[in-house]
């Protein structure tokens, strides 16, 4: 009699325990499915908006946020320590696509680089720095061992002499103003604002074209660019367009 009573007492406990286990498994499965869905959903919306034809000015600190960005070119490098001046000059002097140093790309324009078909994207960065890693990741493109090209147009209301281009990048990069080299950032480096400041430059009245190339092996890729006046103050009296 005691044995039967103990057995009947155990049954509800086993039922409750089984229910808890099944509920836990269901919750775990739901959480896993949610995480998997989140991991496979990629977007650049948190970091960029589509550029418009309306003119844009630099941000409050003078940083240029509107750029035409080319999807990453495959450029395998296991380490960033190889990015000496001579290495990156050779890497950036290599012709990857037609009119590489003169093109003003249109949004959605495509170019072929080796076996890759790549697209230009006219974008406004939501941050002072342009997060190339997030750009590539959000578009489901290669994120490591890459080379990015960036182009923008700066319109100046007057000629400005003795200005300096201030650049930060992760990792190495090279920058041109109106077809002439303005700054080079070599080595394995983190992105720091005003990391390298150019010699004295002149912004022409009207259109000025900035062209940049950023190369990275492992790690996050990004950059920031602004102009400083003779006193080191950011220049904000500019308008920015992508064409």
C-alpha atoms as a PDB file:
ATOM      1  CA  UNK A   1       0.000   0.000   0.000  1.00  0.00           C
ATOM      2  CA  UNK A   2       2.797   2.388   0.880  1.00  0.00           C
ATOM      3  CA  UNK A   3       4.644   1.463  -2.332  1.00  0.00           C
ATOM      4  CA  UNK A   4       1.573   2.254  -4.493  1.00  0.00           C
ATOM      5  CA  UNK A   5       1.021   5.563  -2.694  1.00  0.00           C
ATOM      6  CA  UNK A   6       4.658   6.595  -3.255  1.00  0.00           C
ATOM      7  CA  UNK A   7       4.398   5.663  -6.942  1.00  0.00           C
ATOM      8  CA  UNK A   8       1.276   7.780  -7.429  1.00  0.00           C
ATOM      9  CA  UNK A   9       2.943  10.680  -5.655  1.00  0.00           C
ATOM     10  CA  UNK A  10       5.912  10.498  -8.040  1.00  0.00           C
ATOM     11  CA  UNK A  11       3.790  10.676 -11.218  1.00  0.00           C
ATOM     12  CA  UNK A  12       2.713  14.370 -10.935  1.00  0.00           C
ATOM     13  CA  UNK A  13       6.292  15.335 -10.159  1.00  0.00           C
ATOM     14  CA  UNK A  14       7.564  13.560 -13.269  1.00  0.00           C
ATOM     15  CA  UNK A  15       4.876  15.218 -15.412  1.00  0.00           C
ATOM     16  CA  UNK A  16       5.806  18.677 -14.087  1.00  0.00           C
ATOM     17  CA  UNK A  17       9.522  18.005 -14.632  1.00  0.00           C
ATOM     18  CA  UNK A  18       8.910  16.833 -18.210  1.00  0.00           C
ATOM     19  CA  UNK A  19       6.881  19.961 -18.891  1.00  0.00           C
ATOM     20  CA  UNK A  20       9.682  22.208 -17.631  1.00  0.00           C
ATOM     21  CA  UNK A  21      12.248  20.402 -19.797  1.00  0.00           C
ATOM     22  CA  UNK A  22      10.061  20.665 -22.914  1.00  0.00           C
ATOM     23  CA  UNK A  23       9.389  24.342 -22.228  1.00  0.00           C
ATOM     24  CA  UNK A  24      13.119  24.971 -21.818  1.00  0.00           C
ATOM     25  CA  UNK A  25      13.908  23.198 -25.072  1.00  0.00           C
ATOM     26  CA  UNK A  26      11.238  25.192 -26.889  1.00  0.00           C
ATOM     27  CA  UNK A  27      12.560  28.489 -25.498  1.00  0.00           C
ATOM     28  CA  UNK A  28      16.126  27.513 -26.357  1.00  0.00           C
ATOM     29  CA  UNK A  29      15.110  26.588 -29.914  1.00  0.00           C
ATOM     30  CA  UNK A  30      13.233  29.877 -30.288  1.00  0.00           C
ATOM     31  CA  UNK A  31      16.232  31.852 -29.005  1.00  0.00           C
ATOM     32  CA  UNK A  32      18.598  29.985 -31.328  1.00  0.00           C
ATOM     33  CA  UNK A  33      16.337  30.618 -34.329  1.00  0.00           C
ATOM     34  CA  UNK A  34      16.114  34.308 -33.415  1.00  0.00           C
ATOM     35  CA  UNK A  35      19.892  34.581 -33.063  1.00  0.00           C
ATOM     36  CA  UNK A  36      20.485  32.754 -36.341  1.00  0.00           C
ATOM     37  CA  UNK A  37      18.066  35.055 -38.123  1.00  0.00           C
ATOM     38  CA  UNK A  38      19.796  38.117 -36.610  1.00  0.00           C
ATOM     39  CA  UNK A  39      23.244  36.847 -37.647  1.00  0.00           C
ATOM     40  CA  UNK A  40      22.165  36.370 -41.262  1.00  0.00           C
ATOM     41  CA  UNK A  41      20.403  39.733 -41.596  1.00  0.00           C
ATOM     42  CA  UNK A  42      22.947  42.239 -42.888  1.00  0.00           C
ATOM     43  CA  UNK A  43      22.436  45.918 -43.593  1.00  0.00           C
ATOM     44  CA  UNK A  44      24.371  49.169 -43.808  1.00  0.00           C
ATOM     45  CA  UNK A  45      21.404  51.169 -42.479  1.00  0.00           C
ATOM     46  CA  UNK A  46      22.881  51.634 -38.988  1.00  0.00           C
ATOM     47  CA  UNK A  47      25.957  53.359 -40.421  1.00  0.00           C
ATOM     48  CA  UNK A  48      24.960  54.920 -43.752  1.00  0.00           C
ATOM     49  CA  UNK A  49      22.112  56.592 -45.589  1.00  0.00           C
ATOM     50  CA  UNK A  50      21.809  56.949 -49.356  1.00  0.00           C
ATOM     51  CA  UNK A  51      23.323  60.199 -50.597  1.00  0.00           C
ATOM     52  CA  UNK A  52      21.003  62.606 -52.394  1.00  0.00           C
ATOM     53  CA  UNK A  53      21.640  65.259 -55.035  1.00  0.00           C
ATOM     54  CA  UNK A  54      21.097  67.923 -52.386  1.00  0.00           C
ATOM     55  CA  UNK A  55      24.371  69.547 -51.303  1.00  0.00           C
ATOM     56  CA  UNK A  56      25.749  68.550 -47.920  1.00  0.00           C
ATOM     57  CA  UNK A  57      28.125  70.401 -45.608  1.00  0.00           C
ATOM     58  CA  UNK A  58      30.801  68.912 -43.337  1.00  0.00           C
ATOM     59  CA  UNK A  59      29.712  67.978 -39.817  1.00  0.00           C
ATOM     60  CA  UNK A  60      30.214  70.221 -36.766  1.00  0.00           C
ATOM     61  CA  UNK A  61      33.894  69.226 -36.581  1.00  0.00           C
ATOM     62  CA  UNK A  62      34.489  69.619 -40.314  1.00  0.00           C
ATOM     63  CA  UNK A  63      34.524  65.919 -41.213  1.00  0.00           C
ATOM     64  CA  UNK A  64      33.458  64.894 -44.707  1.00  0.00           C
ATOM     65  CA  UNK A  65      30.670  62.321 -44.530  1.00  0.00           C
ATOM     66  CA  UNK A  66      29.509  62.003 -48.146  1.00  0.00           C
ATOM     67  CA  UNK A  67      31.480  59.559 -50.302  1.00  0.00           C
ATOM     68  CA  UNK A  68      31.192  57.307 -53.304  1.00  0.00           C
ATOM     69  CA  UNK A  69      32.528  53.959 -52.086  1.00  0.00           C
ATOM     70  CA  UNK A  70      33.523  51.033 -54.267  1.00  0.00           C
ATOM     71  CA  UNK A  71      32.805  47.563 -52.954  1.00  0.00           C
ATOM     72  CA  UNK A  72      36.030  45.957 -51.668  1.00  0.00           C
ATOM     73  CA  UNK A  73      38.645  44.660 -54.061  1.00  0.00           C
ATOM     74  CA  UNK A  74      40.146  41.321 -53.076  1.00  0.00           C
ATOM     75  CA  UNK A  75      43.729  41.996 -51.880  1.00  0.00           C
ATOM     76  CA  UNK A  76      44.875  39.158 -49.584  1.00  0.00           C
ATOM     77  CA  UNK A  77      47.268  40.100 -46.768  1.00  0.00           C
ATOM     78  CA  UNK A  78      47.688  38.002 -43.630  1.00  0.00           C
ATOM     79  CA  UNK A  79      49.316  40.862 -41.759  1.00  0.00           C
ATOM     80  CA  UNK A  80      49.260  44.657 -41.913  1.00  0.00           C
ATOM     81  CA  UNK A  81      52.960  44.916 -41.093  1.00  0.00           C
ATOM     82  CA  UNK A  82      53.757  44.706 -44.825  1.00  0.00           C
ATOM     83  CA  UNK A  83      52.190  48.120 -45.470  1.00  0.00           C
ATOM     84  CA  UNK A  84      55.369  50.125 -45.996  1.00  0.00           C
ATOM     85  CA  UNK A  85      55.366  53.275 -48.135  1.00  0.00           C
ATOM     86  CA  UNK A  86      56.796  51.370 -51.089  1.00  0.00           C
ATOM     87  CA  UNK A  87      54.291  48.509 -50.741  1.00  0.00           C
ATOM     88  CA  UNK A  88      51.199  50.696 -50.631  1.00  0.00           C
ATOM     89  CA  UNK A  89      52.428  52.986 -53.419  1.00  0.00           C
ATOM     90  CA  UNK A  90      52.801  49.927 -55.639  1.00  0.00           C
ATOM     91  CA  UNK A  91      49.423  48.560 -54.495  1.00  0.00           C
ATOM     92  CA  UNK A  92      47.638  51.843 -55.220  1.00  0.00           C
ATOM     93  CA  UNK A  93      49.485  52.540 -58.472  1.00  0.00           C
ATOM     94  CA  UNK A  94      48.230  49.214 -59.847  1.00  0.00           C
ATOM     95  CA  UNK A  95      45.417  49.779 -62.333  1.00  0.00           C
ATOM     96  CA  UNK A  96      42.389  47.862 -61.071  1.00  0.00           C
ATOM     97  CA  UNK A  97      39.711  49.426 -63.283  1.00  0.00           C
ATOM     98  CA  UNK A  98      39.556  51.964 -66.148  1.00  0.00           C
ATOM     99  CA  UNK A  99      40.032  55.673 -65.333  1.00  0.00           C
ATOM    100  CA  UNK A 100      40.896  54.756 -61.773  1.00  0.00           C
ATOM    101  CA  UNK A 101      42.482  58.131 -60.992  1.00  0.00           C
ATOM    102  CA  UNK A 102      40.056  60.331 -62.921  1.00  0.00           C
ATOM    103  CA  UNK A 103      36.607  58.754 -62.670  1.00  0.00           C
ATOM    104  CA  UNK A 104      33.724  60.499 -60.942  1.00  0.00           C
ATOM    105  CA  UNK A 105      31.583  57.409 -60.404  1.00  0.00           C
ATOM    106  CA  UNK A 106      27.816  57.427 -60.564  1.00  0.00           C
ATOM    107  CA  UNK A 107      25.762  55.705 -57.906  1.00  0.00           C
ATOM    108  CA  UNK A 108      25.215  52.010 -58.776  1.00  0.00           C
ATOM    109  CA  UNK A 109      27.834  52.156 -61.568  1.00  0.00           C
ATOM    110  CA  UNK A 110      29.648  48.849 -61.948  1.00  0.00           C
ATOM    111  CA  UNK A 111      33.286  48.047 -62.666  1.00  0.00           C
ATOM    112  CA  UNK A 112      35.076  44.767 -63.249  1.00  0.00           C
ATOM    113  CA  UNK A 113      38.249  44.019 -61.298  1.00  0.00           C
ATOM    114  CA  UNK A 114      39.696  40.649 -62.286  1.00  0.00           C
ATOM    115  CA  UNK A 115      36.902  38.135 -61.617  1.00  0.00           C
ATOM    116  CA  UNK A 116      34.958  40.584 -59.420  1.00  0.00           C
ATOM    117  CA  UNK A 117      32.056  42.750 -60.540  1.00  0.00           C
ATOM    118  CA  UNK A 118      31.914  45.629 -58.068  1.00  0.00           C
ATOM    119  CA  UNK A 119      29.436  48.458 -57.547  1.00  0.00           C
ATOM    120  CA  UNK A 120      29.896  52.088 -56.532  1.00  0.00           C
ATOM    121  CA  UNK A 121      27.632  53.328 -53.723  1.00  0.00           C
ATOM    122  CA  UNK A 122      26.957  57.033 -53.050  1.00  0.00           C
ATOM    123  CA  UNK A 123      26.482  57.232 -49.291  1.00  0.00           C
ATOM    124  CA  UNK A 124      26.369  59.590 -46.325  1.00  0.00           C
ATOM    125  CA  UNK A 125      28.081  58.280 -43.218  1.00  0.00           C
ATOM    126  CA  UNK A 126      26.104  58.653 -39.996  1.00  0.00           C
ATOM    127  CA  UNK A 127      29.392  59.019 -38.116  1.00  0.00           C
ATOM    128  CA  UNK A 128      32.357  61.342 -38.543  1.00  0.00           C
ATOM    129  CA  UNK A 129      34.333  58.306 -39.676  1.00  0.00           C
ATOM    130  CA  UNK A 130      33.402  56.125 -42.629  1.00  0.00           C
ATOM    131  CA  UNK A 131      33.120  52.531 -41.441  1.00  0.00           C
ATOM    132  CA  UNK A 132      34.332  50.494 -44.385  1.00  0.00           C
ATOM    133  CA  UNK A 133      34.163  47.220 -42.463  1.00  0.00           C
ATOM    134  CA  UNK A 134      30.445  47.810 -41.798  1.00  0.00           C
ATOM    135  CA  UNK A 135      29.950  48.871 -45.412  1.00  0.00           C
ATOM    136  CA  UNK A 136      31.416  45.595 -46.678  1.00  0.00           C
ATOM    137  CA  UNK A 137      29.788  43.415 -44.023  1.00  0.00           C
ATOM    138  CA  UNK A 138      26.365  45.000 -44.525  1.00  0.00           C
ATOM    139  CA  UNK A 139      26.536  44.318 -48.258  1.00  0.00           C
ATOM    140  CA  UNK A 140      27.681  40.738 -47.608  1.00  0.00           C
ATOM    141  CA  UNK A 141      31.047  41.402 -49.221  1.00  0.00           C
ATOM    142  CA  UNK A 142      34.567  40.381 -48.303  1.00  0.00           C
ATOM    143  CA  UNK A 143      35.709  42.083 -45.075  1.00  0.00           C
ATOM    144  CA  UNK A 144      39.366  41.041 -44.686  1.00  0.00           C
ATOM    145  CA  UNK A 145      42.225  41.213 -47.173  1.00  0.00           C
ATOM    146  CA  UNK A 146      40.610  44.114 -48.986  1.00  0.00           C
ATOM    147  CA  UNK A 147      41.260  47.383 -50.804  1.00  0.00           C
ATOM    148  CA  UNK A 148      38.646  50.153 -50.899  1.00  0.00           C
ATOM    149  CA  UNK A 149      38.401  53.196 -53.192  1.00  0.00           C
ATOM    150  CA  UNK A 150      36.585  56.354 -52.097  1.00  0.00           C
ATOM    151  CA  UNK A 151      35.791  59.522 -54.067  1.00  0.00           C
ATOM    152  CA  UNK A 152      34.049  62.761 -53.167  1.00  0.00           C
ATOM    153  CA  UNK A 153      33.653  66.294 -54.545  1.00  0.00           C
ATOM    154  CA  UNK A 154      34.276  69.356 -52.370  1.00  0.00           C
ATOM    155  CA  UNK A 155      32.914  72.692 -53.540  1.00  0.00           C
ATOM    156  CA  UNK A 156      34.664  75.749 -52.121  1.00  0.00           C
ATOM    157  CA  UNK A 157      33.065  79.241 -52.272  1.00  0.00           C
ATOM    158  CA  UNK A 158      36.502  80.775 -52.822  1.00  0.00           C
ATOM    159  CA  UNK A 159      40.134  79.823 -53.300  1.00  0.00           C
ATOM    160  CA  UNK A 160      41.618  78.719 -49.978  1.00  0.00           C
ATOM    161  CA  UNK A 161      45.399  78.628 -49.690  1.00  0.00           C
ATOM    162  CA  UNK A 162      47.567  76.994 -47.033  1.00  0.00           C
ATOM    163  CA  UNK A 163      44.943  74.494 -45.925  1.00  0.00           C
ATOM    164  CA  UNK A 164      45.838  71.008 -44.785  1.00  0.00           C
ATOM    165  CA  UNK A 165      44.118  67.682 -45.316  1.00  0.00           C
ATOM    166  CA  UNK A 166      43.882  65.777 -42.010  1.00  0.00           C
ATOM    167  CA  UNK A 167      43.350  62.028 -42.310  1.00  0.00           C
ATOM    168  CA  UNK A 168      42.986  58.973 -40.110  1.00  0.00           C
ATOM    169  CA  UNK A 169      42.619  55.408 -41.379  1.00  0.00           C
ATOM    170  CA  UNK A 170      42.641  51.758 -40.428  1.00  0.00           C
ATOM    171  CA  UNK A 171      44.852  50.386 -41.796  1.00  0.00           C
ATOM    172  CA  UNK A 172      47.064  51.998 -44.474  1.00  0.00           C
ATOM    173  CA  UNK A 173      45.797  54.539 -46.986  1.00  0.00           C
ATOM    174  CA  UNK A 174      46.728  57.138 -49.579  1.00  0.00           C
ATOM    175  CA  UNK A 175      44.890  60.336 -50.533  1.00  0.00           C
ATOM    176  CA  UNK A 176      44.882  62.687 -53.516  1.00  0.00           C
ATOM    177  CA  UNK A 177      43.493  66.198 -53.972  1.00  0.00           C
ATOM    178  CA  UNK A 178      42.772  67.233 -57.556  1.00  0.00           C
ATOM    179  CA  UNK A 179      44.998  64.478 -58.891  1.00  0.00           C
ATOM    180  CA  UNK A 180      48.025  65.217 -56.688  1.00  0.00           C
ATOM    181  CA  UNK A 181      49.171  63.153 -53.734  1.00  0.00           C
ATOM    182  CA  UNK A 182      48.198  64.821 -50.460  1.00  0.00           C
ATOM    183  CA  UNK A 183      48.751  62.240 -47.706  1.00  0.00           C
ATOM    184  CA  UNK A 184      50.029  58.720 -47.153  1.00  0.00           C
ATOM    185  CA  UNK A 185      49.419  56.623 -44.038  1.00  0.00           C
ATOM    186  CA  UNK A 186      51.591  53.517 -43.960  1.00  0.00           C
ATOM    187  CA  UNK A 187      52.004  50.682 -41.478  1.00  0.00           C
ATOM    188  CA  UNK A 188      49.608  48.780 -39.254  1.00  0.00           C
ATOM    189  CA  UNK A 189      47.575  51.524 -37.620  1.00  0.00           C
ATOM    190  CA  UNK A 190      44.302  52.252 -35.903  1.00  0.00           C
ATOM    191  CA  UNK A 191      41.994  55.002 -37.098  1.00  0.00           C
ATOM    192  CA  UNK A 192      42.779  58.204 -35.187  1.00  0.00           C
ATOM    193  CA  UNK A 193      41.402  61.576 -36.287  1.00  0.00           C
ATOM    194  CA  UNK A 194      44.049  63.882 -37.805  1.00  0.00           C
ATOM    195  CA  UNK A 195      46.595  61.053 -37.573  1.00  0.00           C
ATOM    196  CA  UNK A 196      48.433  62.451 -40.594  1.00  0.00           C
ATOM    197  CA  UNK A 197      48.245  66.066 -41.746  1.00  0.00           C
ATOM    198  CA  UNK A 198      49.315  67.024 -45.262  1.00  0.00           C
ATOM    199  CA  UNK A 199      51.659  69.777 -46.326  1.00  0.00           C
ATOM    200  CA  UNK A 200      50.007  73.086 -47.243  1.00  0.00           C
ATOM    201  CA  UNK A 201      47.472  72.728 -50.049  1.00  0.00           C
ATOM    202  CA  UNK A 202      45.153  74.959 -52.051  1.00  0.00           C
ATOM    203  CA  UNK A 203      41.436  74.380 -52.424  1.00  0.00           C
ATOM    204  CA  UNK A 204      40.327  75.823 -55.755  1.00  0.00           C
ATOM    205  CA  UNK A 205      37.248  77.974 -56.012  1.00  0.00           C
ATOM    206  CA  UNK A 206      34.484  75.631 -57.101  1.00  0.00           C
ATOM    207  CA  UNK A 207      34.988  71.889 -57.567  1.00  0.00           C
ATOM    208  CA  UNK A 208      37.786  69.912 -55.870  1.00  0.00           C
ATOM    209  CA  UNK A 209      38.065  66.136 -56.078  1.00  0.00           C
ATOM    210  CA  UNK A 210      39.314  63.977 -53.206  1.00  0.00           C
ATOM    211  CA  UNK A 211      40.276  60.416 -53.991  1.00  0.00           C
ATOM    212  CA  UNK A 212      41.392  57.859 -51.438  1.00  0.00           C
ATOM    213  CA  UNK A 213      42.417  54.226 -51.213  1.00  0.00           C
ATOM    214  CA  UNK A 214      42.388  52.188 -48.001  1.00  0.00           C
ATOM    215  CA  UNK A 215      43.995  48.760 -47.662  1.00  0.00           C
ATOM    216  CA  UNK A 216      43.631  46.279 -44.813  1.00  0.00           C
ATOM    217  CA  UNK A 217      44.437  42.660 -44.058  1.00  0.00           C
ATOM    218  CA  UNK A 218      42.835  41.452 -40.822  1.00  0.00           C
ATOM    219  CA  UNK A 219      40.884  43.878 -38.673  1.00  0.00           C
ATOM    220  CA  UNK A 220      38.352  46.693 -38.962  1.00  0.00           C
ATOM    221  CA  UNK A 221      38.605  49.180 -41.846  1.00  0.00           C
ATOM    222  CA  UNK A 222      37.547  52.827 -41.621  1.00  0.00           C
ATOM    223  CA  UNK A 223      38.728  56.390 -42.280  1.00  0.00           C
ATOM    224  CA  UNK A 224      38.032  60.040 -41.571  1.00  0.00           C
ATOM    225  CA  UNK A 225      38.986  63.159 -43.549  1.00  0.00           C
ATOM    226  CA  UNK A 226      38.681  66.898 -42.969  1.00  0.00           C
ATOM    227  CA  UNK A 227      40.459  70.125 -43.913  1.00  0.00           C
ATOM    228  CA  UNK A 228      42.156  72.456 -41.441  1.00  0.00           C
ATOM    229  CA  UNK A 229      42.919  76.139 -41.939  1.00  0.00           C
ATOM    230  CA  UNK A 230      46.237  77.899 -41.191  1.00  0.00           C
ATOM    231  CA  UNK A 231      45.367  78.058 -37.488  1.00  0.00           C
ATOM    232  CA  UNK A 232      44.435  74.390 -37.307  1.00  0.00           C
ATOM    233  CA  UNK A 233      40.693  75.033 -37.173  1.00  0.00           C
ATOM    234  CA  UNK A 234      38.342  72.762 -39.145  1.00  0.00           C
ATOM    235  CA  UNK A 235      37.037  74.240 -42.396  1.00  0.00           C
ATOM    236  CA  UNK A 236      33.268  73.958 -42.589  1.00  0.00           C
ATOM    237  CA  UNK A 237      32.427  76.524 -45.267  1.00  0.00           C
ATOM    238  CA  UNK A 238      32.267  73.834 -47.954  1.00  0.00           C
ATOM    239  CA  UNK A 239      29.604  71.816 -49.718  1.00  0.00           C
ATOM    240  CA  UNK A 240      29.966  68.145 -50.612  1.00  0.00           C
ATOM    241  CA  UNK A 241      28.519  66.193 -53.507  1.00  0.00           C
ATOM    242  CA  UNK A 242      29.250  62.878 -55.157  1.00  0.00           C
ATOM    243  CA  UNK A 243      29.193  64.097 -58.758  1.00  0.00           C
END
